[in-house]
């Protein structure tokens, strides 16, 4: 082996090791950066209509971040008191049956702001966790804004540079890039719309059945709906059991029928329609596996990174098979 070939092999090994080091170093901010890349890619047509450039990118990013802050503020305004009341009720429950009854019993334990102080006194680490959560949220929004603005303005140049220098054929690199964009579009549309529709339907159902704190429970359903099949039942089944326990049998049956029928229809009928709208080339089983596996292996961020890794791995396997054939 001549020196040139030896050098090329070793420089390739060094490049791979350094790329791995970059990925490891960027892991703590991988989720906001991936979300920023998806947001910038999907918003690029609007950015072009606004003339492109840094000013348009900055304005669009500012609007996005302000919208997120406004949504978080509205959620806090609508849900904070009810969530605190529910937490207080559950904390005071001295048995599993009492905890179930607290779910459907209004006014039994009003919201107690002093409970937070009490928790802080009993658990000194609570304040640290709360501070970390606040700082983490600020940093998340910061990196999301930084990444979105930068990729809106210079994303096409970065893509061209990566395409030129990546150890892949240009068409293969484009295929992986399309798979990356497809995953973001699919998650935003299929999972986002499914969570929103199930949250709204659950909220309406809880309200119609006079279940206390319907907005809080509906919001929890929307969050849990990110887990296919098992998500919202983790909320409405305990509520239905609580209705049975408290003697509201008719309401419990209605909730089970709606939960098992209408809400399940969203999961198995409307959900796939959302997936087709997002054109995500991962079937329901693989999507569920990737989300659970990603969450277990990478933490909460794995709910986003898991499907992305699975989709890129699937595309890479297809490229390898096509090249080998």
Protein backbone atom coordinates (compact mmCIF):
# COMPACT_ATOMS: atom_id res chain seq x y z
CA UNK A 1 0.00 0.00 0.00
CA UNK A 2 1.50 3.34 -1.02
CA UNK A 3 1.72 6.32 1.29
CA UNK A 4 -1.07 8.20 -0.47
CA UNK A 5 -3.59 5.38 0.01
CA UNK A 6 -2.47 4.95 3.63
CA UNK A 7 -2.90 8.67 4.24
CA UNK A 8 -6.37 8.68 2.68
CA UNK A 9 -7.43 5.77 4.88
CA UNK A 10 -6.18 7.38 8.08
CA UNK A 11 -7.59 10.82 7.27
CA UNK A 12 -10.92 9.10 6.68
CA UNK A 13 -10.73 7.39 10.06
CA UNK A 14 -9.83 10.69 11.75
CA UNK A 15 -12.72 12.44 9.99
CA UNK A 16 -15.18 9.78 11.19
CA UNK A 17 -13.88 9.96 14.77
CA UNK A 18 -14.12 13.75 14.79
CA UNK A 19 -17.66 13.62 13.39
CA UNK A 20 -18.62 11.20 16.18
CA UNK A 21 -17.03 13.59 18.70
CA UNK A 22 -19.09 16.45 17.26
CA UNK A 23 -22.30 14.43 17.60
CA UNK A 24 -21.46 13.51 21.20
CA UNK A 25 -20.67 17.14 22.05
CA UNK A 26 -23.90 18.37 20.44
CA UNK A 27 -26.12 15.70 22.03
CA UNK A 28 -27.45 17.98 24.83
CA UNK A 29 -28.85 20.42 22.25
CA UNK A 30 -29.64 17.88 19.53
CA UNK A 31 -33.43 18.11 19.91
CA UNK A 32 -33.78 21.92 19.54
CA UNK A 33 -31.30 21.89 16.65
CA UNK A 34 -33.16 19.09 14.86
CA UNK A 35 -36.46 20.89 15.42
CA UNK A 36 -34.84 24.09 14.14
CA UNK A 37 -33.65 22.30 10.99
CA UNK A 38 -37.13 20.92 10.35
CA UNK A 39 -38.76 24.27 11.04
CA UNK A 40 -36.36 26.12 8.76
CA UNK A 41 -36.81 23.58 5.95
CA UNK A 42 -40.61 23.66 6.13
CA UNK A 43 -40.71 27.46 6.47
CA UNK A 44 -38.25 28.16 3.65
CA UNK A 45 -40.98 28.79 1.00
CA UNK A 46 -42.42 31.56 3.19
CA UNK A 47 -38.92 32.92 3.78
CA UNK A 48 -38.37 33.15 0.02
CA UNK A 49 -41.67 34.95 -0.49
CA UNK A 50 -40.55 37.51 2.07
CA UNK A 51 -37.42 38.17 0.02
CA UNK A 52 -35.02 35.90 1.90
CA UNK A 53 -32.05 37.30 3.75
CA UNK A 54 -31.19 37.68 7.40
CA UNK A 55 -33.92 40.21 8.23
CA UNK A 56 -36.72 37.96 7.02
CA UNK A 57 -35.18 35.01 8.88
CA UNK A 58 -34.93 37.03 12.08
CA UNK A 59 -38.51 38.30 11.84
CA UNK A 60 -39.89 34.81 11.16
CA UNK A 61 -37.89 33.35 14.04
CA UNK A 62 -39.05 36.09 16.40
CA UNK A 63 -42.67 35.47 15.43
CA UNK A 64 -42.20 31.73 16.03
CA UNK A 65 -40.64 32.16 19.47
CA UNK A 66 -43.20 34.77 20.53
CA UNK A 67 -45.98 32.44 19.39
CA UNK A 68 -44.51 29.59 21.46
CA UNK A 69 -44.19 31.83 24.51
CA UNK A 70 -47.78 33.04 24.02
CA UNK A 71 -49.06 29.46 23.80
CA UNK A 72 -47.13 28.47 26.92
CA UNK A 73 -48.48 31.54 28.71
CA UNK A 74 -52.06 30.75 27.73
CA UNK A 75 -51.65 27.14 28.82
CA UNK A 76 -50.30 28.30 32.17
CA UNK A 77 -53.18 30.78 32.60
CA UNK A 78 -55.82 28.17 31.82
CA UNK A 79 -54.27 25.13 33.46
CA UNK A 80 -52.13 26.26 36.39
CA UNK A 81 -54.88 26.52 39.01
CA UNK A 82 -56.62 23.32 37.92
CA UNK A 83 -53.34 21.41 37.80
CA UNK A 84 -52.37 22.65 41.25
CA UNK A 85 -55.78 21.68 42.58
CA UNK A 86 -55.50 18.21 41.11
CA UNK A 87 -51.99 17.79 42.50
CA UNK A 88 -53.16 18.92 45.93
CA UNK A 89 -56.09 16.48 45.83
CA UNK A 90 -53.89 13.57 44.85
CA UNK A 91 -51.29 14.49 47.48
CA UNK A 92 -53.92 14.43 50.23
CA UNK A 93 -55.35 11.08 49.10
CA UNK A 94 -54.45 8.35 51.59
CA UNK A 95 -55.38 5.35 49.44
CA UNK A 96 -55.68 4.34 45.78
CA UNK A 97 -59.48 4.62 45.99
CA UNK A 98 -59.21 8.11 47.46
CA UNK A 99 -56.85 9.09 44.64
CA UNK A 100 -59.36 7.84 42.06
CA UNK A 101 -62.18 9.72 43.77
CA UNK A 102 -60.05 12.89 43.71
CA UNK A 103 -60.00 12.73 39.91
CA UNK A 104 -63.78 13.20 39.65
CA UNK A 105 -64.63 15.05 42.86
CA UNK A 106 -64.77 18.85 42.47
CA UNK A 107 -63.86 21.19 45.29
CA UNK A 108 -62.67 18.48 47.65
CA UNK A 109 -59.18 19.93 47.82
CA UNK A 110 -58.89 23.48 46.47
CA UNK A 111 -55.67 24.64 44.92
CA UNK A 112 -53.19 25.51 47.63
CA UNK A 113 -50.31 27.72 46.43
CA UNK A 114 -48.63 27.12 49.76
CA UNK A 115 -48.23 23.48 48.79
CA UNK A 116 -45.32 24.44 46.57
CA UNK A 117 -43.57 26.03 49.53
CA UNK A 118 -44.28 22.96 51.61
CA UNK A 119 -42.88 20.69 48.92
CA UNK A 120 -39.80 22.89 48.71
CA UNK A 121 -39.28 22.60 52.47
CA UNK A 122 -39.82 18.84 52.56
CA UNK A 123 -37.75 18.23 49.43
CA UNK A 124 -34.76 20.63 49.26
CA UNK A 125 -33.87 19.43 45.77
CA UNK A 126 -37.27 20.56 44.43
CA UNK A 127 -36.04 24.14 44.01
CA UNK A 128 -32.98 22.94 42.11
CA UNK A 129 -35.11 20.84 39.77
CA UNK A 130 -37.48 23.75 39.21
CA UNK A 131 -34.54 26.05 38.45
CA UNK A 132 -33.03 23.50 36.06
CA UNK A 133 -36.40 23.17 34.32
CA UNK A 134 -36.68 26.94 33.92
CA UNK A 135 -33.11 27.31 32.66
CA UNK A 136 -33.58 24.32 30.37
CA UNK A 137 -36.70 25.87 28.84
CA UNK A 138 -34.92 29.16 28.21
CA UNK A 139 -31.93 27.39 26.64
CA UNK A 140 -34.22 25.24 24.53
CA UNK A 141 -35.96 28.31 23.11
CA UNK A 142 -32.61 30.05 22.63
CA UNK A 143 -31.07 27.20 20.61
CA UNK A 144 -34.32 26.72 18.71
CA UNK A 145 -34.32 30.40 17.74
CA UNK A 146 -30.60 30.44 16.96
CA UNK A 147 -30.82 27.33 14.81
CA UNK A 148 -33.99 28.36 12.98
CA UNK A 149 -32.71 31.85 12.15
CA UNK A 150 -29.30 30.60 11.03
CA UNK A 151 -30.67 27.76 8.90
CA UNK A 152 -33.33 29.94 7.29
CA UNK A 153 -30.64 32.40 6.23
CA UNK A 154 -27.77 30.04 5.40
CA UNK A 155 -29.28 26.58 5.35
CA UNK A 156 -29.04 26.12 1.60
CA UNK A 157 -25.34 27.04 1.59
CA UNK A 158 -24.71 24.64 4.47
CA UNK A 159 -26.59 21.86 2.65
CA UNK A 160 -24.52 22.46 -0.48
CA UNK A 161 -21.28 22.33 1.51
CA UNK A 162 -22.30 19.11 3.25
CA UNK A 163 -23.37 17.55 -0.02
CA UNK A 164 -20.02 18.42 -1.61
CA UNK A 165 -17.85 17.15 1.24
CA UNK A 166 -19.84 14.16 2.51
CA UNK A 167 -18.43 10.72 1.57
CA UNK A 168 -21.63 9.97 -0.36
CA UNK A 169 -22.83 10.34 -3.90
CA UNK A 170 -24.85 13.50 -4.40
CA UNK A 171 -28.05 11.59 -5.18
CA UNK A 172 -27.63 9.41 -2.09
CA UNK A 173 -27.01 12.48 0.07
CA UNK A 174 -30.19 14.04 -1.35
CA UNK A 175 -32.14 10.88 -0.54
CA UNK A 176 -31.01 11.05 3.09
CA UNK A 177 -31.78 14.78 3.17
CA UNK A 178 -35.29 14.10 1.85
CA UNK A 179 -35.75 11.40 4.51
CA UNK A 180 -34.68 13.88 7.19
CA UNK A 181 -37.20 16.47 5.98
CA UNK A 182 -39.91 13.84 5.55
CA UNK A 183 -39.50 12.74 9.18
CA UNK A 184 -39.95 16.28 10.48
CA UNK A 185 -42.97 16.92 8.28
CA UNK A 186 -44.48 13.58 9.25
CA UNK A 187 -44.00 14.12 12.99
CA UNK A 188 -45.34 17.67 12.84
CA UNK A 189 -48.44 16.66 10.89
CA UNK A 190 -49.32 13.10 11.93
CA UNK A 191 -48.35 13.17 15.60
CA UNK A 192 -49.07 16.86 16.13
CA UNK A 193 -52.54 16.75 14.60
CA UNK A 194 -53.35 13.43 16.28
CA UNK A 195 -52.38 14.80 19.71
CA UNK A 196 -54.35 17.99 19.10
CA UNK A 197 -57.49 16.19 17.92
CA UNK A 198 -57.43 13.66 20.76
CA UNK A 199 -56.81 16.39 23.33
CA UNK A 200 -59.76 18.42 22.04
CA UNK A 201 -62.07 15.39 21.90
CA UNK A 202 -61.10 14.26 25.41
CA UNK A 203 -61.63 17.79 26.76
CA UNK A 204 -65.09 17.98 25.16
CA UNK A 205 -65.96 14.53 26.54
CA UNK A 206 -64.82 15.39 30.09
CA UNK A 207 -66.74 18.67 29.94
CA UNK A 208 -69.93 17.00 28.70
CA UNK A 209 -69.71 14.40 31.50
CA UNK A 210 -69.08 17.14 34.10
CA UNK A 211 -65.71 15.68 35.06
CA UNK A 212 -63.81 18.25 37.17
CA UNK A 213 -60.81 20.00 35.63
CA UNK A 214 -61.61 18.94 32.04
CA UNK A 215 -58.99 21.26 30.52
CA UNK A 216 -56.22 19.83 32.69
CA UNK A 217 -57.19 16.23 31.95
CA UNK A 218 -57.66 17.03 28.25
CA UNK A 219 -54.23 18.62 28.09
CA UNK A 220 -52.69 15.55 29.76
CA UNK A 221 -54.48 13.40 27.16
CA UNK A 222 -52.97 15.53 24.38
CA UNK A 223 -49.49 15.02 25.85
CA UNK A 224 -49.99 11.28 26.33
CA UNK A 225 -51.40 10.91 22.81
CA UNK A 226 -47.83 11.17 21.53
CA UNK A 227 -47.59 7.50 22.60
CA UNK A 228 -49.62 5.59 20.00
CA UNK A 229 -52.35 3.19 21.21
CA UNK A 230 -51.49 3.36 24.93
CA UNK A 231 -51.43 7.15 25.31
CA UNK A 232 -54.86 8.59 26.14
CA UNK A 233 -56.18 5.37 27.79
CA UNK A 234 -53.65 6.05 30.56
CA UNK A 235 -55.88 9.05 31.40
CA UNK A 236 -59.50 8.26 30.53
CA UNK A 237 -59.47 4.67 31.86
CA UNK A 238 -58.57 5.81 35.43
CA UNK A 239 -61.19 8.56 35.12
CA UNK A 240 -63.79 5.98 34.04
CA UNK A 241 -62.83 3.74 36.98
CA UNK A 242 -63.15 6.73 39.29
CA UNK A 243 -66.65 7.40 37.94
CA UNK A 244 -67.58 3.76 38.65
CA UNK A 245 -66.14 4.03 42.17
CA UNK A 246 -68.13 7.18 42.93
CA UNK A 247 -71.39 5.68 41.61
CA UNK A 248 -71.58 7.54 38.29
CA UNK A 249 -71.94 4.28 36.36
CA UNK A 250 -73.71 5.73 33.33
CA UNK A 251 -71.02 8.39 32.87
CA UNK A 252 -68.30 5.76 33.23
CA UNK A 253 -69.86 3.58 30.52
CA UNK A 254 -70.25 6.59 28.21
CA UNK A 255 -66.60 7.52 28.76
CA UNK A 256 -65.46 3.96 28.03
CA UNK A 257 -67.57 3.83 24.87
CA UNK A 258 -66.27 7.17 23.63
CA UNK A 259 -62.71 6.35 24.66
CA UNK A 260 -62.71 2.87 23.21
CA UNK A 261 -64.67 3.84 20.10
CA UNK A 262 -64.41 7.42 18.94
CA UNK A 263 -60.98 8.20 20.39
CA UNK A 264 -59.65 4.86 19.12
CA UNK A 265 -61.06 5.75 15.68
CA UNK A 266 -58.80 8.80 15.68
CA UNK A 267 -55.85 6.55 16.53
CA UNK A 268 -56.49 3.90 13.90
CA UNK A 269 -58.42 5.74 11.15
CA UNK A 270 -57.78 9.46 11.30
CA UNK A 271 -54.19 9.06 12.56
CA UNK A 272 -53.07 7.16 9.44
CA UNK A 273 -54.70 9.88 7.33
CA UNK A 274 -52.54 12.43 9.15
CA UNK A 275 -49.53 10.18 8.53
CA UNK A 276 -50.31 10.11 4.81
CA UNK A 277 -50.63 13.89 4.89
CA UNK A 278 -47.13 14.04 6.36
CA UNK A 279 -45.94 11.33 3.94
CA UNK A 280 -43.89 9.64 6.65
CA UNK A 281 -42.53 6.32 5.35
CA UNK A 282 -42.61 4.55 8.70
CA UNK A 283 -45.53 2.28 9.48
CA UNK A 284 -47.30 2.47 12.82
CA UNK A 285 -45.37 -0.40 14.38
CA UNK A 286 -41.96 0.99 13.50
CA UNK A 287 -43.01 4.47 14.60
CA UNK A 288 -44.17 3.14 17.97
CA UNK A 289 -40.99 1.08 18.39
CA UNK A 290 -38.76 4.00 17.44
CA UNK A 291 -40.47 6.36 19.87
CA UNK A 292 -40.42 3.96 22.81
CA UNK A 293 -36.88 2.82 22.07
CA UNK A 294 -35.70 6.39 21.58
CA UNK A 295 -37.29 7.52 24.83
CA UNK A 296 -35.74 4.63 26.79
CA UNK A 297 -32.31 5.06 25.23
CA UNK A 298 -32.06 8.84 24.88
CA UNK A 299 -34.58 10.20 27.36
CA UNK A 300 -37.57 12.42 26.40
CA UNK A 301 -35.67 13.75 23.39
CA UNK A 302 -35.75 10.22 22.00
CA UNK A 303 -39.40 10.73 21.09
CA UNK A 304 -38.06 13.02 18.35
CA UNK A 305 -34.63 11.52 17.69
CA UNK A 306 -35.80 7.89 17.71
CA UNK A 307 -38.07 8.14 14.63
CA UNK A 308 -35.41 10.23 12.87
CA UNK A 309 -32.69 7.63 13.44
CA UNK A 310 -35.02 4.82 12.35
CA UNK A 311 -36.05 6.66 9.18
CA UNK A 312 -32.45 7.49 8.21
CA UNK A 313 -31.38 3.91 8.96
CA UNK A 314 -34.19 2.59 6.77
CA UNK A 315 -33.19 4.88 3.90
CA UNK A 316 -29.53 3.96 4.32
CA UNK A 317 -30.38 0.25 4.17
CA UNK A 318 -32.35 0.82 0.98
CA UNK A 319 -29.45 2.74 -0.56
CA UNK A 320 -27.04 -0.05 0.38
CA UNK A 321 -29.28 -2.71 -1.12
CA UNK A 322 -29.75 -0.72 -4.32
CA UNK A 323 -25.99 -0.14 -4.62
CA UNK A 324 -25.21 -3.80 -3.96
CA UNK A 325 -27.79 -4.91 -6.52
